[in-house]
Amino acid sequence: MPLPIRYKIILPFAVLLVLVGVIGNGVATAQLTNAAVVPFDANLLHSSLVANQLLVQVDAARLADLRLATDTVGVPEALSGGDIAALTRLLMPVAGNVTVASIDLRVIDGHSRQILRIQGSRAGPTAVAVNDPKEFSAEPAVTRVLGGNTPDRQAFLFVQPTEPVLYWAGPVRAANGQIVGEVLAGESLSEVLASIQGSALYDTSGVQLVSSVSNPPVLTDAVRTNVKADNTVRADDVLAGHAYRTLFSTWTVRGTQLGFLAVEAHADSLVSSVNQLRLILTLLFTAAALLTLLVGMATASLLTRPVDLLVRSMRIVSQGDLQHRAHVASQDEIGYLARTFNEMTASLEQKTAALEETAFASMEALARTIDARDPSTFGHSARVAALSLDIADAMQLPEKDREALRRAALLHDIGKIGVEDKVLRKPGPLNAAEADDMREHPRIGYDMLKGLPFLKPSLPGILYHHERWDGAGYPTGLRGNAIPLPVRILAVADVFDALTSDRPYREGLSFEAATAAIRIEAGLQFDPDVVTAFLSCRPVLEATLRKMGKPGAIVATPEAA
């Protein structure tokens, strides 16, 4: 059966609405999710750096203990003569001054034989009988130290039946410089890791050695292969119903990689936030789509009702019922239909205005997310909008132009969604190709929004905000009064906020220095009348920026934005 005319009218718009909504929802979700994930990953990276720094501090402390043991007066002579009693008397105070309870001092003679062991405990160090003189004879690090290889102090991992121990080995030299033996200073890995919360250590084959978390992550072969000295690898996992995010890095001591370090963080809150964000965006899109479809169907039904009646009558007559007459409305019915149509038109206008605000709010949220891609531009669009309205007040801009200016300012950089992160976040000046890519963002933003009728008055600000008064701007090279006045106001506000904001390659200018830079460009980059208005209301502009969280930069020399 053929579809009614109202369905034929509404169906293409419904398909287009779903297509645009799904794509827009996907893009917005991806951008906002990235904005939530970046701070979490930054904190995880900071925790990993802190954990590595604590391991470096442990290394420095044990080397100091080892140096004290090997350099104690009388130790070389006692070791050369095999005087174990003298060695015990000399090294017991050294072991007693070490702050870690699990300190394990071993004395190795020149033939790689262990002749003394001093075991630390909370009650104090004690000399322990040596059960296996050749226990360390096959350890390469011990052999290298006795052979005088550099560096002369080395570290190695020794897995005992009870628990793994990390040893530092240093040579004992006689007065003539000859190596007569060495001392090993060991600390259990469990005590090493006690001060590093949320972490785990693995050997080079990926086997877990010790962990300070209840659910240690698994180091897979794929992750282990990709972790390098200059590259960390992030892994996500779900254990016991909880989400975790882990950062793996190499574990290197004294220039030797002993294994891998993992720093783990609970990611339940992150996953929950991302899921809530996706749900909210999906519900907003669904509600907007349903409202649009209902309004469209009601309007199409009202407008096509006379046509439906005519088609129905023609179909009946064509089937042979010549007595049938099309329905003719009475004056009362005509009046009723007219009143109903006027009421629906007024309701439609209200709902259309609400839909426009909803759509603009979505666009604004997307623009703020794009600002957040680069921490140095966070909040830029909102500040430019506030500054633009302050300058517009000083120039007595008509009220009908103010809302278009505000929307243009909030959305002027939305086209940066089409610019790659490596260009937006580059910590320095752009090369020619990158600059060309960046100059495309006004046209990209214009192309994105030109299909929205309610944004038509704001489109010039999005397309022309990088045009110059002298005609040297982009993308079209407009000059002078050919550039609309609201756009000329937006251009000054945009540059003032950019000059007073920090960038990766420079600090933000002071308000005074930024004002001087704009004054110099009057008649070149900027409309002189707009610059005059800007200068007249500068205290208001500064107050606006401070209210929005920008205290004012301290740099006194103007630079390019």
Protein backbone atom coordinates (compact mmCIF):
# COMPACT_ATOMS: atom_id res chain seq x y z
CA MET A 1 0.00 0.00 0.00
CA PRO A 2 1.42 3.44 -0.97
CA LEU A 3 2.73 5.57 1.89
CA PRO A 4 0.69 8.67 2.80
CA ILE A 5 2.15 11.94 1.56
CA ARG A 6 3.09 13.14 5.06
CA TYR A 7 5.28 10.05 5.56
CA LYS A 8 6.94 10.57 2.19
CA ILE A 9 7.75 14.13 3.28
CA ILE A 10 9.10 13.25 6.72
CA LEU A 11 10.99 10.02 5.86
CA PRO A 12 14.04 11.58 4.08
CA PHE A 13 14.44 14.09 6.91
CA ALA A 14 14.23 11.28 9.48
CA VAL A 15 16.95 9.30 7.69
CA LEU A 16 19.15 12.41 7.45
CA LEU A 17 18.53 13.23 11.11
CA VAL A 18 19.59 9.74 12.21
CA LEU A 19 22.69 9.81 10.00
CA VAL A 20 23.85 13.25 11.15
CA GLY A 21 22.99 12.46 14.79
CA VAL A 22 24.91 9.19 14.86
CA ILE A 23 28.01 10.77 13.30
CA GLY A 24 27.83 13.86 15.51
CA ASN A 25 27.20 11.79 18.62
CA GLY A 26 30.17 9.59 17.78
CA VAL A 27 32.52 12.54 17.22
CA ALA A 28 31.39 14.36 20.38
CA THR A 29 31.67 11.18 22.45
CA ALA A 30 35.20 10.49 21.17
CA GLN A 31 36.37 14.03 21.90
CA LEU A 32 34.83 14.25 25.37
CA THR A 33 36.07 10.75 26.25
CA ASN A 34 39.58 11.79 25.25
CA ALA A 35 39.27 14.89 27.46
CA ALA A 36 38.42 12.61 30.43
CA VAL A 37 41.13 10.02 29.71
CA VAL A 38 44.06 12.44 29.24
CA PRO A 39 44.21 13.68 32.90
CA PHE A 40 43.89 10.08 34.18
CA ASP A 41 46.79 8.90 31.98
CA ALA A 42 48.84 11.94 33.03
CA ASN A 43 48.41 11.00 36.72
CA LEU A 44 49.32 7.39 35.92
CA LEU A 45 52.49 8.54 34.13
CA HIS A 46 53.36 10.76 37.11
CA SER A 47 52.97 7.78 39.47
CA SER A 48 55.26 5.70 37.23
CA LEU A 49 57.92 8.44 37.24
CA VAL A 50 57.69 8.72 41.05
CA ALA A 51 58.05 4.92 41.40
CA ASN A 52 61.15 4.90 39.19
CA GLN A 53 62.60 7.79 41.18
CA LEU A 54 62.09 5.87 44.45
CA LEU A 55 63.96 2.90 42.93
CA VAL A 56 66.81 5.26 42.05
CA GLN A 57 66.87 6.48 45.66
CA VAL A 58 67.08 2.87 46.90
CA ASP A 59 70.01 2.31 44.52
CA ALA A 60 71.80 5.39 45.86
CA ALA A 61 71.25 4.38 49.51
CA ARG A 62 72.57 0.82 49.02
CA LEU A 63 75.59 2.08 47.09
CA ALA A 64 76.38 4.36 50.04
CA ASP A 65 76.16 1.35 52.41
CA LEU A 66 78.32 -0.71 50.06
CA ARG A 67 80.92 2.04 49.79
CA LEU A 68 81.07 2.30 53.59
CA ALA A 69 81.65 -1.46 53.90
CA THR A 70 84.37 -1.71 51.22
CA ASP A 71 86.17 1.45 52.35
CA THR A 72 86.20 0.71 56.11
CA VAL A 73 89.80 0.77 57.37
CA GLY A 74 91.15 -2.74 57.99
CA VAL A 75 88.68 -4.58 55.74
CA PRO A 76 91.16 -5.15 52.83
CA GLU A 77 93.82 -6.52 55.20
CA ALA A 78 91.36 -8.78 57.03
CA LEU A 79 89.95 -10.06 53.73
CA SER A 80 93.46 -10.72 52.31
CA GLY A 81 94.41 -12.68 55.39
CA GLY A 82 91.10 -14.53 55.64
CA ASP A 83 90.56 -13.13 59.16
CA ILE A 84 86.80 -13.71 59.51
CA ALA A 85 86.72 -12.54 63.13
CA ALA A 86 88.25 -9.19 62.16
CA LEU A 87 85.87 -8.82 59.21
CA THR A 88 82.91 -9.52 61.49
CA ARG A 89 84.08 -6.93 64.01
CA LEU A 90 84.60 -4.30 61.29
CA LEU A 91 81.38 -4.87 59.32
CA MET A 92 78.88 -5.42 62.13
CA PRO A 93 78.67 -1.64 62.88
CA VAL A 94 78.18 -0.98 59.16
CA ALA A 95 75.22 -3.40 59.04
CA GLY A 96 73.84 -1.93 62.24
CA ASN A 97 73.73 1.59 60.77
CA VAL A 98 71.73 0.53 57.69
CA THR A 99 68.08 1.63 57.92
CA VAL A 100 66.57 -1.38 56.13
CA ALA A 101 65.81 -4.39 58.26
CA SER A 102 66.52 -6.95 55.54
CA ILE A 103 70.12 -5.86 54.80
CA ASP A 104 72.28 -8.83 53.80
CA LEU A 105 76.07 -8.32 53.71
CA ARG A 106 78.18 -11.01 52.01
CA VAL A 107 81.98 -11.03 51.85
CA ILE A 108 83.54 -12.80 48.84
CA ASP A 109 87.28 -13.54 48.67
CA GLY A 110 89.42 -13.30 45.54
CA HIS A 111 88.54 -16.88 44.55
CA SER A 112 84.75 -16.16 44.41
CA ARG A 113 84.24 -18.01 47.71
CA GLN A 114 81.85 -16.62 50.30
CA ILE A 115 83.60 -16.35 53.66
CA LEU A 116 81.20 -14.22 55.74
CA ARG A 117 77.51 -13.32 55.85
CA ILE A 118 75.93 -10.70 58.13
CA GLN A 119 72.11 -10.87 58.19
CA GLY A 120 70.08 -7.82 59.24
CA SER A 121 66.90 -7.98 61.33
CA ARG A 122 64.73 -5.65 63.40
CA ALA A 123 66.58 -6.83 66.53
CA GLY A 124 69.94 -6.02 64.93
CA PRO A 125 72.49 -7.66 62.59
CA THR A 126 73.94 -11.11 63.29
CA ALA A 127 76.73 -13.13 61.70
CA VAL A 128 75.33 -16.21 59.97
CA ALA A 129 77.18 -19.38 59.12
CA VAL A 130 78.06 -19.79 55.44
CA ASN A 131 76.49 -23.00 54.13
CA ASP A 132 77.53 -22.66 50.48
CA PRO A 133 80.89 -20.92 49.89
CA LYS A 134 80.36 -21.09 46.09
CA GLU A 135 76.80 -19.70 46.22
CA PHE A 136 77.70 -16.65 44.10
CA SER A 137 80.65 -18.04 42.12
CA ALA A 138 78.60 -18.42 38.93
CA GLU A 139 76.99 -14.97 39.13
CA PRO A 140 78.34 -12.87 36.20
CA ALA A 141 78.18 -9.60 38.13
CA VAL A 142 80.34 -11.06 40.94
CA THR A 143 82.88 -12.30 38.41
CA ARG A 144 83.01 -8.95 36.62
CA VAL A 145 83.65 -7.04 39.86
CA LEU A 146 86.50 -9.39 40.84
CA GLY A 147 87.92 -8.99 37.34
CA GLY A 148 88.05 -5.22 37.68
CA ASN A 149 85.48 -4.56 34.95
CA THR A 150 83.80 -1.17 34.82
CA PRO A 151 81.61 0.01 36.30
CA ASP A 152 83.26 -1.44 39.40
CA ARG A 153 79.95 -1.42 41.35
CA GLN A 154 77.22 -3.55 39.81
CA ALA A 155 73.76 -4.86 40.71
CA PHE A 156 72.13 -8.22 40.12
CA LEU A 157 68.96 -10.05 41.06
CA PHE A 158 69.31 -13.23 43.11
CA VAL A 159 66.24 -15.43 43.50
CA GLN A 160 66.45 -17.31 46.81
CA PRO A 161 64.05 -20.06 47.89
CA THR A 162 62.34 -17.65 50.29
CA GLU A 163 62.16 -14.43 48.26
CA PRO A 164 64.09 -12.48 45.59
CA VAL A 165 66.93 -10.27 46.80
CA LEU A 166 68.56 -7.37 44.96
CA TYR A 167 72.36 -7.26 45.52
CA TRP A 168 74.88 -4.52 44.88
CA ALA A 169 78.48 -5.70 44.46
CA GLY A 170 81.60 -3.58 45.03
CA PRO A 171 85.33 -4.46 45.03
CA VAL A 172 87.62 -4.36 48.06
CA ARG A 173 91.02 -3.01 47.06
CA ALA A 174 94.34 -3.30 48.89
CA ALA A 175 96.62 -0.30 49.35
CA ASN A 176 98.34 -1.06 46.01
CA GLY A 177 94.96 -1.02 44.17
CA GLN A 178 94.76 -4.80 43.76
CA ILE A 179 91.27 -6.30 44.17
CA VAL A 180 91.41 -8.80 47.06
CA GLY A 181 87.70 -9.58 47.16
CA GLU A 182 84.29 -7.92 47.16
CA VAL A 183 81.33 -7.12 49.39
CA LEU A 184 77.69 -7.71 48.43
CA ALA A 185 74.94 -5.56 49.99
CA GLY A 186 71.49 -7.08 49.48
CA GLU A 187 67.92 -5.95 50.19
CA SER A 188 64.79 -8.06 49.76
CA LEU A 189 62.54 -6.95 46.90
CA SER A 190 59.52 -6.95 49.20
CA GLU A 191 61.20 -4.26 51.33
CA VAL A 192 62.32 -2.35 48.22
CA LEU A 193 58.70 -2.25 47.03
CA ALA A 194 57.20 -1.47 50.45
CA SER A 195 57.52 2.29 49.86
CA ILE A 196 56.14 2.15 46.30
CA GLN A 197 52.37 1.72 46.48
CA GLY A 198 50.32 0.31 43.62
CA SER A 199 53.23 -1.33 41.82
CA ALA A 200 54.79 -4.69 40.96
CA LEU A 201 58.19 -5.93 39.77
CA TYR A 202 58.80 -8.63 37.14
CA ASP A 203 61.92 -10.37 35.87
CA THR A 204 63.03 -10.08 32.24
CA SER A 205 60.92 -13.10 31.22
CA GLY A 206 57.74 -11.50 32.61
CA VAL A 207 57.45 -13.59 35.80
CA GLN A 208 56.09 -11.60 38.73
CA LEU A 209 58.63 -11.22 41.56
CA VAL A 210 56.88 -9.03 44.15
CA SER A 211 53.79 -6.83 44.24
CA SER A 212 52.29 -4.20 46.54
CA VAL A 213 48.77 -4.55 45.06
CA SER A 214 46.16 -7.21 45.78
CA ASN A 215 45.44 -7.88 42.09
CA PRO A 216 48.77 -7.51 40.26
CA PRO A 217 48.51 -7.16 36.47
CA VAL A 218 49.75 -9.89 34.15
CA LEU A 219 52.75 -8.96 32.01
CA THR A 220 51.96 -10.50 28.62
CA ASP A 221 54.56 -11.31 25.98
CA ALA A 222 53.10 -8.65 23.67
CA VAL A 223 53.48 -5.93 26.30
CA ARG A 224 56.94 -7.15 27.33
CA THR A 225 58.12 -7.00 23.71
CA ASN A 226 56.95 -3.40 23.27
CA VAL A 227 58.33 -1.98 26.53
CA LYS A 228 61.66 -0.27 25.85
CA ALA A 229 63.99 1.97 27.83
CA ASP A 230 62.47 5.02 26.12
CA ASN A 231 58.92 3.70 25.73
CA THR A 232 56.22 2.78 28.25
CA VAL A 233 53.19 0.61 27.46
CA ARG A 234 49.71 1.05 28.91
CA ALA A 235 47.41 -1.94 29.47
CA ASP A 236 43.78 -2.12 30.58
CA ASP A 237 42.33 -5.06 32.49
CA VAL A 238 39.31 -6.10 34.55
CA LEU A 239 40.07 -8.09 37.71
CA ALA A 240 37.54 -9.22 40.33
CA GLY A 241 34.91 -6.99 38.75
CA HIS A 242 37.04 -3.83 38.88
CA ALA A 243 38.71 -1.94 36.04
CA TYR A 244 42.45 -1.24 36.23
CA ARG A 245 44.84 0.70 34.04
CA THR A 246 48.54 -0.19 34.25
CA LEU A 247 51.69 1.48 32.92
CA PHE A 248 54.67 -0.83 32.29
CA SER A 249 58.27 0.44 32.09
CA THR A 250 61.73 -1.09 32.21
CA TRP A 251 63.44 -1.71 35.56
CA THR A 252 67.12 -0.82 35.21
CA VAL A 253 69.76 -0.68 37.96
CA ARG A 254 73.40 0.33 37.41
CA GLY A 255 72.91 0.22 33.64
CA THR A 256 71.54 -3.35 33.64
CA GLN A 257 67.89 -4.14 32.93
CA LEU A 258 66.76 -6.47 35.71
CA GLY A 259 63.13 -6.67 34.61
CA PHE A 260 60.00 -4.53 34.41
CA LEU A 261 58.09 -2.16 36.72
CA ALA A 262 54.29 -1.93 36.63
CA VAL A 263 52.30 0.92 38.22
CA GLU A 264 48.58 0.18 38.56
CA ALA A 265 45.62 2.52 39.15
CA HIS A 266 41.91 1.84 39.73
CA ALA A 267 39.97 2.91 36.65
CA ASP A 268 36.41 2.30 37.90
CA SER A 269 35.70 6.04 38.16
CA LEU A 270 37.12 6.67 34.68
CA VAL A 271 35.06 3.87 33.11
CA SER A 272 31.96 5.07 34.96
CA SER A 273 32.48 8.66 33.79
CA VAL A 274 32.99 7.60 30.17
CA ASN A 275 29.91 5.36 30.25
CA GLN A 276 27.79 8.11 31.81
CA LEU A 277 29.04 10.55 29.19
CA ARG A 278 28.10 8.20 26.38
CA LEU A 279 24.68 7.56 27.92
CA ILE A 280 23.93 11.28 28.37
CA LEU A 281 24.94 12.12 24.80
CA THR A 282 22.89 9.21 23.45
CA LEU A 283 19.83 10.25 25.48
CA LEU A 284 20.18 13.87 24.36
CA PHE A 285 20.41 12.83 20.73
CA THR A 286 17.49 10.43 21.05
CA ALA A 287 15.30 13.02 22.78
CA ALA A 288 16.15 15.70 20.21
CA ALA A 289 15.50 13.27 17.34
CA LEU A 290 12.13 12.14 18.74
CA LEU A 291 11.03 15.71 19.39
CA THR A 292 12.05 16.74 15.89
CA LEU A 293 10.22 13.79 14.33
CA LEU A 294 7.03 14.40 16.35
CA VAL A 295 6.95 18.08 15.44
CA GLY A 296 7.69 17.25 11.81
CA MET A 297 5.00 14.58 11.62
CA ALA A 298 2.40 16.85 13.22
CA THR A 299 3.24 19.69 10.83
CA ALA A 300 3.30 17.42 7.78
CA SER A 301 -0.04 15.86 8.80
CA LEU A 302 -1.68 19.29 9.15
CA LEU A 303 -0.31 20.60 5.86
CA THR A 304 -1.14 17.51 3.79
CA ARG A 305 -4.64 16.84 5.19
CA PRO A 306 -6.49 18.67 2.35
CA VAL A 307 -4.35 16.87 -0.23
CA ASP A 308 -5.10 13.50 1.42
CA LEU A 309 -8.85 14.24 1.29
CA LEU A 310 -8.65 15.21 -2.38
CA VAL A 311 -6.64 12.11 -3.30
CA ARG A 312 -9.08 9.88 -1.40
CA SER A 313 -12.06 11.43 -3.22
CA MET A 314 -10.40 11.08 -6.61
CA ARG A 315 -9.64 7.43 -5.90
CA ILE A 316 -13.31 6.74 -5.01
CA VAL A 317 -14.61 8.55 -8.09
CA SER A 318 -12.13 6.75 -10.32
CA GLN A 319 -13.55 3.46 -9.05
CA GLY A 320 -17.04 4.37 -10.42
CA ASP A 321 -18.80 6.14 -7.52
CA LEU A 322 -19.93 9.21 -9.43
CA GLN A 323 -22.26 10.28 -6.59
CA HIS A 324 -19.35 10.91 -4.23
CA ARG A 325 -18.48 14.53 -3.50
CA ALA A 326 -15.31 15.73 -1.96
CA HIS A 327 -15.71 17.10 1.53
CA VAL A 328 -16.31 20.84 1.52
CA ALA A 329 -15.50 22.59 4.75
CA SER A 330 -18.00 24.93 6.34
CA GLN A 331 -17.06 28.41 7.56
CA ASP A 332 -16.91 27.09 11.14
CA GLU A 333 -14.61 24.26 10.09
CA ILE A 334 -12.42 26.67 8.17
CA GLY A 335 -12.20 28.93 11.22
CA TYR A 336 -11.39 25.99 13.46
CA LEU A 337 -8.67 24.78 11.10
CA ALA A 338 -7.22 28.30 10.88
CA ARG A 339 -7.09 28.66 14.67
CA THR A 340 -5.57 25.19 15.03
CA PHE A 341 -2.95 25.97 12.38
CA ASN A 342 -2.01 29.26 14.09
CA GLU A 343 -1.68 27.54 17.47
CA MET A 344 0.48 24.80 16.00
CA THR A 345 2.60 27.38 14.18
CA ALA A 346 3.21 29.29 17.44
CA SER A 347 4.02 26.05 19.27
CA LEU A 348 6.31 25.01 16.44
CA GLU A 349 8.17 28.32 16.63
CA GLN A 350 8.71 27.86 20.39
CA LYS A 351 9.91 24.29 19.93
CA THR A 352 12.12 25.32 17.03
CA ALA A 353 13.76 27.97 19.23
CA ALA A 354 14.31 25.35 21.95
CA LEU A 355 15.80 22.95 19.39
CA GLU A 356 18.08 25.71 18.11
CA GLU A 357 19.35 26.34 21.65
CA THR A 358 19.88 22.60 22.17
CA ALA A 359 21.77 22.30 18.89
CA PHE A 360 23.87 25.37 19.69
CA ALA A 361 24.65 24.00 23.17
CA SER A 362 25.91 20.79 21.52
CA MET A 363 28.05 22.80 19.10
CA GLU A 364 29.40 24.91 21.98
CA ALA A 365 30.25 21.77 23.98
CA LEU A 366 32.12 20.43 20.96
CA ALA A 367 33.99 23.74 20.58
CA ARG A 368 34.99 23.71 24.28
CA THR A 369 36.22 20.13 23.86
CA ILE A 370 38.35 21.20 20.91
CA ASP A 371 39.83 23.98 23.09
CA ALA A 372 40.63 21.31 25.71
CA ARG A 373 42.67 19.25 23.21
CA ASP A 374 45.50 21.68 23.90
CA PRO A 375 45.86 22.67 27.62
CA SER A 376 47.22 26.10 26.55
CA THR A 377 43.92 26.97 24.78
CA PHE A 378 41.52 25.61 27.43
CA GLY A 379 38.67 28.11 27.92
CA HIS A 380 39.89 30.30 25.03
CA SER A 381 36.55 30.47 23.16
CA ALA A 382 34.55 31.40 26.28
CA ARG A 383 37.00 34.21 27.10
CA VAL A 384 36.93 35.52 23.51
CA ALA A 385 33.11 35.61 23.65
CA ALA A 386 33.16 37.63 26.89
CA LEU A 387 35.81 40.06 25.58
CA SER A 388 33.93 40.50 22.28
CA LEU A 389 30.75 41.53 24.11
CA ASP A 390 32.71 44.04 26.26
CA ILE A 391 34.14 45.69 23.12
CA ALA A 392 30.71 45.55 21.45
CA ASP A 393 29.28 47.47 24.44
CA ALA A 394 31.95 50.13 24.01
CA MET A 395 31.03 50.46 20.30
CA GLN A 396 27.26 50.38 21.03
CA LEU A 397 26.77 47.43 18.69
CA PRO A 398 23.04 46.90 17.95
CA GLU A 399 21.36 44.27 20.11
CA LYS A 400 20.41 42.18 17.09
CA ASP A 401 24.11 41.72 16.26
CA ARG A 402 25.27 40.85 19.79
CA GLU A 403 23.88 37.29 19.90
CA ALA A 404 25.36 36.51 16.48
CA LEU A 405 28.73 37.87 17.72
CA ARG A 406 28.56 35.81 20.92
CA ARG A 407 27.80 32.60 19.03
CA ALA A 408 30.51 33.30 16.45
CA ALA A 409 33.06 33.87 19.24
CA LEU A 410 32.11 30.63 21.01
CA LEU A 411 32.34 28.62 17.77
CA HIS A 412 35.12 30.47 15.90
CA ASP A 413 37.70 27.68 16.39
CA ILE A 414 35.35 24.71 15.91
CA GLY A 415 37.05 23.99 12.58
CA LYS A 416 40.16 22.85 14.50
CA ILE A 417 38.39 19.49 14.79
CA GLY A 418 39.84 18.90 11.33
CA VAL A 419 43.42 19.75 12.36
CA GLU A 420 45.67 16.92 13.57
CA ASP A 421 46.84 16.83 17.21
CA LYS A 422 50.49 16.87 16.15
CA VAL A 423 49.90 20.31 14.59
CA LEU A 424 47.65 21.73 17.36
CA ARG A 425 49.94 20.59 20.18
CA LYS A 426 53.30 21.21 18.50
CA PRO A 427 55.56 22.87 21.13
CA GLY A 428 57.05 25.39 18.75
CA PRO A 429 56.54 27.35 15.52
CA LEU A 430 54.79 25.53 12.65
CA ASN A 431 56.52 24.76 9.36
CA ALA A 432 54.98 25.86 6.06
CA ALA A 433 52.91 22.69 5.54
CA GLU A 434 51.64 22.72 9.13
CA ALA A 435 50.76 26.42 8.88
CA ASP A 436 48.75 25.70 5.72
CA ASP A 437 46.86 22.95 7.58
CA MET A 438 46.13 25.31 10.47
CA ARG A 439 44.85 28.04 8.08
CA GLU A 440 42.17 25.64 6.89
CA HIS A 441 40.29 25.67 10.21
CA PRO A 442 38.08 28.75 9.45
CA ARG A 443 36.81 27.15 6.24
CA ILE A 444 36.36 23.76 7.91
CA GLY A 445 34.26 25.37 10.66
CA TYR A 446 32.21 27.32 8.10
CA ASP A 447 31.54 24.15 6.05
CA MET A 448 30.49 22.29 9.22
CA LEU A 449 27.89 24.87 10.26
CA LYS A 450 26.66 26.47 7.03
CA GLY A 451 23.71 24.04 6.84
CA LEU A 452 22.21 25.33 10.12
CA PRO A 453 19.93 28.30 9.30
CA PHE A 454 19.84 29.68 12.84
CA LEU A 455 23.66 30.06 12.77
CA LYS A 456 23.70 31.97 9.45
CA PRO A 457 24.30 35.41 11.09
CA SER A 458 27.33 33.94 12.95
CA LEU A 459 28.99 32.27 9.95
CA PRO A 460 31.05 35.36 8.87
CA GLY A 461 32.76 35.40 12.27
CA ILE A 462 33.70 31.73 11.89
CA LEU A 463 34.99 32.12 8.31
CA TYR A 464 36.65 35.57 8.47
CA HIS A 465 38.09 35.88 12.02
CA HIS A 466 41.66 35.66 10.64
CA GLU A 467 41.13 38.31 7.94
CA ARG A 468 43.16 41.54 8.35
CA TRP A 469 42.22 45.20 7.93
CA ASP A 470 45.06 45.56 5.36
CA GLY A 471 43.86 42.55 3.31
CA ALA A 472 46.80 40.25 4.21
CA GLY A 473 44.69 37.76 6.17
CA TYR A 474 43.11 34.43 5.26
CA PRO A 475 41.18 32.53 3.91
CA THR A 476 39.80 35.06 1.35
CA GLY A 477 41.92 38.20 1.78
CA LEU A 478 39.06 40.56 2.68
CA ARG A 479 40.13 44.08 3.66
CA GLY A 480 38.77 47.16 5.39
CA ASN A 481 35.02 47.60 5.77
CA ALA A 482 34.41 44.54 3.61
CA ILE A 483 35.00 42.62 6.81
CA PRO A 484 31.77 42.80 8.92
CA LEU A 485 32.09 44.93 12.06
CA PRO A 486 31.29 42.03 14.49
CA VAL A 487 34.11 40.03 12.88
CA ARG A 488 36.55 42.93 13.33
CA ILE A 489 35.59 43.03 17.03
CA LEU A 490 36.04 39.26 17.34
CA ALA A 491 39.51 39.47 15.74
CA VAL A 492 40.79 41.92 18.39
CA ALA A 493 39.31 39.90 21.27
CA ASP A 494 40.79 36.66 19.84
CA VAL A 495 44.33 38.07 19.57
CA PHE A 496 44.19 39.78 23.00
CA ASP A 497 43.32 36.51 24.74
CA ALA A 498 45.91 34.57 22.70
CA LEU A 499 48.68 37.09 23.52
CA THR A 500 47.96 36.91 27.27
CA SER A 501 47.83 33.07 27.30
CA ASP A 502 50.78 30.74 27.84
CA ARG A 503 51.94 28.69 24.89
CA PRO A 504 54.33 25.68 24.89
CA TYR A 505 57.01 27.84 23.23
CA ARG A 506 56.49 31.09 25.22
CA GLU A 507 54.85 32.56 28.32
CA GLY A 508 51.80 34.79 28.02
CA LEU A 509 52.28 38.56 27.77
CA SER A 510 51.20 40.98 30.46
CA PHE A 511 48.00 42.94 29.82
CA GLU A 512 50.12 46.06 29.18
CA ALA A 513 52.40 44.35 26.65
CA ALA A 514 49.47 42.73 24.83
CA THR A 515 47.67 46.11 24.66
CA ALA A 516 50.78 47.73 23.17
CA ALA A 517 51.01 44.98 20.54
CA ILE A 518 47.38 45.54 19.49
CA ARG A 519 47.80 49.34 19.43
CA ILE A 520 50.74 48.94 16.99
CA GLU A 521 48.58 46.83 14.65
CA ALA A 522 45.80 49.47 14.36
CA GLY A 523 45.31 50.13 10.66
CA LEU A 524 47.33 47.04 9.74
CA GLN A 525 45.84 43.91 11.27
CA PHE A 526 42.93 45.60 13.07
CA ASP A 527 40.22 48.20 12.40
CA PRO A 528 41.47 51.46 14.03
CA ASP A 529 37.96 52.23 15.37
CA VAL A 530 37.77 48.82 17.07
CA VAL A 531 41.25 49.33 18.57
CA THR A 532 40.10 52.72 19.92
CA ALA A 533 37.08 51.07 21.55
CA PHE A 534 39.33 48.30 22.88
CA LEU A 535 41.67 50.83 24.50
CA SER A 536 38.76 52.73 26.04
CA CYS A 537 37.39 49.65 27.80
CA ARG A 538 40.65 47.89 28.68
CA PRO A 539 40.01 47.97 32.46
CA VAL A 540 36.72 46.17 31.82
CA LEU A 541 38.51 43.60 29.65
CA GLU A 542 41.15 42.95 32.30
CA ALA A 543 38.45 42.51 34.94
CA THR A 544 36.67 40.03 32.69
CA LEU A 545 39.83 37.95 32.18
CA ARG A 546 40.63 37.91 35.89
CA LYS A 547 37.07 36.88 36.70
CA MET A 548 37.46 33.98 34.25
CA GLY A 549 40.65 32.75 35.95
CA LYS A 550 43.44 34.54 34.05
CA PRO A 551 45.55 36.65 36.47
CA GLY A 552 47.67 38.25 33.75
CA ALA A 553 51.06 37.17 32.41
CA ILE A 554 54.36 38.67 33.60
CA VAL A 555 56.30 38.75 30.35
CA ALA A 556 56.91 42.32 29.24
CA THR A 557 58.03 41.82 25.62
CA PRO A 558 55.32 41.27 22.95
CA GLU A 559 55.64 38.21 20.72
CA ALA A 560 53.52 36.62 18.04
CA ALA A 561 50.37 34.86 19.26
